[in-house]
Amino acid sequence: MIITAFDGSPRTNGNSTILLKRFIENAERKGATVNLFKTDKINLKPCRGCLMCNVIKRCAIKNDDWESLSKLIMESDVLAFSTPVYFHHATSSMKKLLDRFRSFIHVKITEEGLIHTPHSEWQKKIFLFTALGSSSKKDAEPLIDLFSFMIEVLGNKNRFEYLTAERLAVSGQILFGKSQLKDLYGKLDLSESLVEEDYKRNRKYIEAAGLMADRLF
């Protein structure tokens, strides 16, 4: 099994990164081959909306990493993405990557709207791990909607799972002990009564990320 994973966090110990790493660790333990990329380290130019991919069935942009990366994506059985939620969406480096996924799809303009047809039907398992500072998962919904739409138009045999972890404001917080959470919540003017619940919830999120990998096998 080949897994290609993209980490969209600019932090070295981001909460979404920690979830992705647990997923990867469990997958590798089961024998999967994993290719991991930090999106802000990829040499990738932004999509320019030239529509040439409609004609040549690949991206027309040259002299960056997309040609080799797109081949690896197509060869992968599983794709995994992680990103913190910035202004209700992915980080800029992750969004730049996702925009280039347009080259996998033919788009036809009609009077009623757009018709999306993949150049080849995908049959992949796709995972998304997100973390946000907000206490409400609703603030991640625009990002979830984008992934749901993108994965649907790439093939109705794709399978999509996501995990959203909320109220995570600082790097590595998902691993904090109770005393660390108590100190942090005091600085953030959050009630200390949340500490016990959040401590247990954060560990459940990490466990859940590992179990998502276990279900692949």
Foldseek 3Di string as FASTA:
>chain_A
DEEEEEEAEPDPQALQVLLLVLLVVLLVVVPYHYHYYYLVPFFADADPPPLCLLPVLADPDDDGCCVVVVVSVQVGQEYEYEAEQDQLAGDPSVVRVVRRLCSQWRWDQDPVGIDIAGPDADQHEYEYEYEYQAPDPVSNVVHVVVVVVSNVSNHVNYHYDYDYHYNDDDGPPLVDDLVVVQVVCVVVVHDSVCSVVSNVVSVVSSVVSNVVSVVVD
